[in-house]
Amino acid sequence: MAMGYKARKRLALFILVVGLPAYIVLAVTMMGIAPGFAKPVELAIYVALGIAWIFPVKWVFKGIGQPDPDA
């Protein structure tokens, strides 16, 4: 069963307001616990973590900026 446009829009807002800050706190905490990496390696890890969060939730954000197709 596919989610409706309004449900996906609400879920996208929830992900951006609650999920993304929680993910950021988790990523920074994990990097703080990890042993000291060289600066370029640490930058690469942060960039990878910054990009990786979108792949599991990409389907939620597709088409959200478009007008409601059901309206």
Protein backbone atom coordinates (compact mmCIF):
# COMPACT_ATOMS: atom_id res chain seq x y z
CA MET A 1 0.00 0.00 0.00
CA ALA A 2 1.44 3.33 -1.09
CA MET A 3 1.38 6.36 1.18
CA GLY A 4 -0.77 9.28 0.16
CA TYR A 5 0.70 12.65 -0.73
CA LYS A 6 -0.30 14.30 2.56
CA ALA A 7 1.02 11.41 4.65
CA ARG A 8 4.36 11.54 2.81
CA LYS A 9 4.49 15.30 3.29
CA ARG A 10 3.91 14.93 7.05
CA LEU A 11 6.48 12.14 7.28
CA ALA A 12 9.02 14.25 5.37
CA LEU A 13 8.47 17.14 7.78
CA PHE A 14 8.86 14.80 10.76
CA ILE A 15 12.09 13.39 9.32
CA LEU A 16 13.51 16.89 8.78
CA VAL A 17 12.46 18.29 12.17
CA VAL A 18 13.09 15.27 14.42
CA GLY A 19 14.97 12.57 12.53
CA LEU A 20 17.73 14.64 10.97
CA PRO A 21 18.79 16.39 14.19
CA ALA A 22 18.76 13.03 15.99
CA TYR A 23 20.92 11.56 13.22
CA ILE A 24 23.34 14.47 13.47
CA VAL A 25 23.67 14.02 17.25
CA LEU A 26 24.24 10.29 16.74
CA ALA A 27 26.89 10.86 14.06
CA VAL A 28 28.77 13.46 16.13
CA THR A 29 28.61 11.23 19.22
CA MET A 30 29.94 8.26 17.26
CA MET A 31 32.80 10.36 15.88
CA GLY A 32 33.58 11.63 19.38
CA ILE A 33 33.84 8.08 20.72
CA ALA A 34 35.94 6.86 17.77
CA PRO A 35 39.71 7.09 18.05
CA GLY A 36 41.38 10.17 16.60
CA PHE A 37 41.50 10.02 12.83
CA ALA A 38 43.59 12.19 10.55
CA LYS A 39 41.72 15.36 9.53
CA PRO A 40 41.16 14.31 5.87
CA VAL A 41 39.80 10.93 6.97
CA GLU A 42 37.52 12.57 9.52
CA LEU A 43 36.25 15.00 6.87
CA ALA A 44 35.56 12.11 4.49
CA ILE A 45 33.61 10.27 7.18
CA TYR A 46 31.52 13.36 7.97
CA VAL A 47 30.79 13.90 4.26
CA ALA A 48 29.80 10.24 3.85
CA LEU A 49 27.53 10.41 6.92
CA GLY A 50 26.06 13.67 5.63
CA ILE A 51 25.10 12.06 2.34
CA ALA A 52 24.17 8.59 3.63
CA TRP A 53 21.12 9.67 5.65
CA ILE A 54 19.07 10.49 2.56
CA PHE A 55 19.22 7.07 0.86
CA PRO A 56 16.88 5.22 3.25
CA VAL A 57 14.28 8.02 3.14
CA LYS A 58 14.67 9.22 -0.44
CA TRP A 59 11.30 7.78 -1.44
CA VAL A 60 9.54 10.03 1.09
CA PHE A 61 10.92 13.23 -0.41
CA LYS A 62 10.28 12.42 -4.08
CA GLY A 63 7.54 14.66 -5.44
CA ILE A 64 6.90 16.54 -2.18
CA GLY A 65 7.64 19.91 -3.82
CA GLN A 66 5.03 19.29 -6.52
CA PRO A 67 1.35 20.21 -6.22
CA ASP A 68 -0.94 17.60 -4.67
CA PRO A 69 -1.78 15.16 -7.47
CA ASP A 70 -5.09 14.25 -5.77
CA ALA A 71 -6.32 17.86 -5.62
